[in-house]
Amino acid sequence: MSKKWEHEFNKFCSKGCDTNATFALHLDITNNCDEIVGIEAAERIGGKSGYNLLLASVKKSCRLNF
């Protein structure tokens, strides 16, 4: 059941991105939301702990850098 809806959702997102730049932007922001929150929290924490959180937050986007 979930595979069917996953396929439908992916089809919806693909069509939305192809036809609407604002939709594509918001989808990209949503997909990276955890990174954005992690970066903001890391800035507030600061120091070594904040730096470690920052690295952990963006690691999945920058796989080749680590």
Protein backbone atom coordinates (compact mmCIF):
# COMPACT_ATOMS: atom_id res chain seq x y z
CA MET A 1 0.00 0.00 0.00
CA SER A 2 2.70 2.52 0.95
CA LYS A 3 4.65 1.80 -2.25
CA LYS A 4 1.60 2.80 -4.31
CA TRP A 5 1.22 6.10 -2.46
CA GLU A 6 4.95 6.74 -2.51
CA HIS A 7 4.87 6.40 -6.29
CA GLU A 8 1.85 8.71 -6.55
CA PHE A 9 3.47 11.28 -4.26
CA ASN A 10 6.72 11.21 -6.24
CA LYS A 11 4.77 11.61 -9.47
CA PHE A 12 2.90 14.59 -7.98
CA CYS A 13 6.15 16.21 -6.81
CA SER A 14 7.85 15.63 -10.14
CA LYS A 15 4.97 17.20 -12.09
CA GLY A 16 4.79 20.11 -9.64
CA CYS A 17 8.52 20.80 -9.97
CA ASP A 18 8.36 20.59 -13.76
CA THR A 19 5.54 23.10 -14.04
CA ASN A 20 6.03 25.48 -11.11
CA ALA A 21 9.33 26.95 -9.91
CA THR A 22 7.82 28.09 -6.61
CA PHE A 23 6.64 24.54 -5.92
CA ALA A 24 10.14 23.25 -6.71
CA LEU A 25 11.72 25.79 -4.36
CA HIS A 26 9.38 24.94 -1.50
CA LEU A 27 9.88 21.21 -2.03
CA ASP A 28 13.65 21.69 -1.92
CA ILE A 29 13.37 23.75 1.28
CA THR A 30 11.14 21.08 2.84
CA ASN A 31 13.58 18.33 1.87
CA ASN A 32 16.41 20.23 3.56
CA CYS A 33 14.44 21.51 6.53
CA ASP A 34 16.33 19.38 9.06
CA GLU A 35 19.61 20.85 7.82
CA ILE A 36 18.31 24.41 8.11
CA VAL A 37 17.13 23.85 11.68
CA GLY A 38 20.44 22.14 12.55
CA ILE A 39 22.49 25.03 11.18
CA GLU A 40 20.40 27.58 13.07
CA ALA A 41 20.71 25.61 16.31
CA ALA A 42 24.46 25.19 15.79
CA GLU A 43 24.87 28.96 15.41
CA ARG A 44 23.04 29.53 18.70
CA ILE A 45 25.01 26.88 20.59
CA GLY A 46 28.38 28.00 19.26
CA GLY A 47 31.78 26.64 20.28
CA LYS A 48 32.89 23.05 19.75
CA SER A 49 29.43 21.60 20.41
CA GLY A 50 27.85 23.92 17.87
CA TYR A 51 30.53 23.12 15.31
CA ASN A 52 29.96 19.38 15.79
CA LEU A 53 26.22 19.84 15.36
CA LEU A 54 26.83 21.90 12.23
CA LEU A 55 28.97 19.15 10.71
CA ALA A 56 26.41 16.49 11.59
CA SER A 57 23.59 18.60 10.11
CA VAL A 58 25.13 19.11 6.68
CA LYS A 59 27.02 15.85 6.37
CA LYS A 60 24.35 14.14 4.28
CA SER A 61 24.46 16.96 1.69
CA CYS A 62 28.23 17.08 1.49
CA ARG A 63 29.11 13.37 1.45
CA LEU A 64 32.26 13.86 -0.58
CA ASN A 65 33.66 16.41 1.88
CA PHE A 66 33.88 14.00 4.81
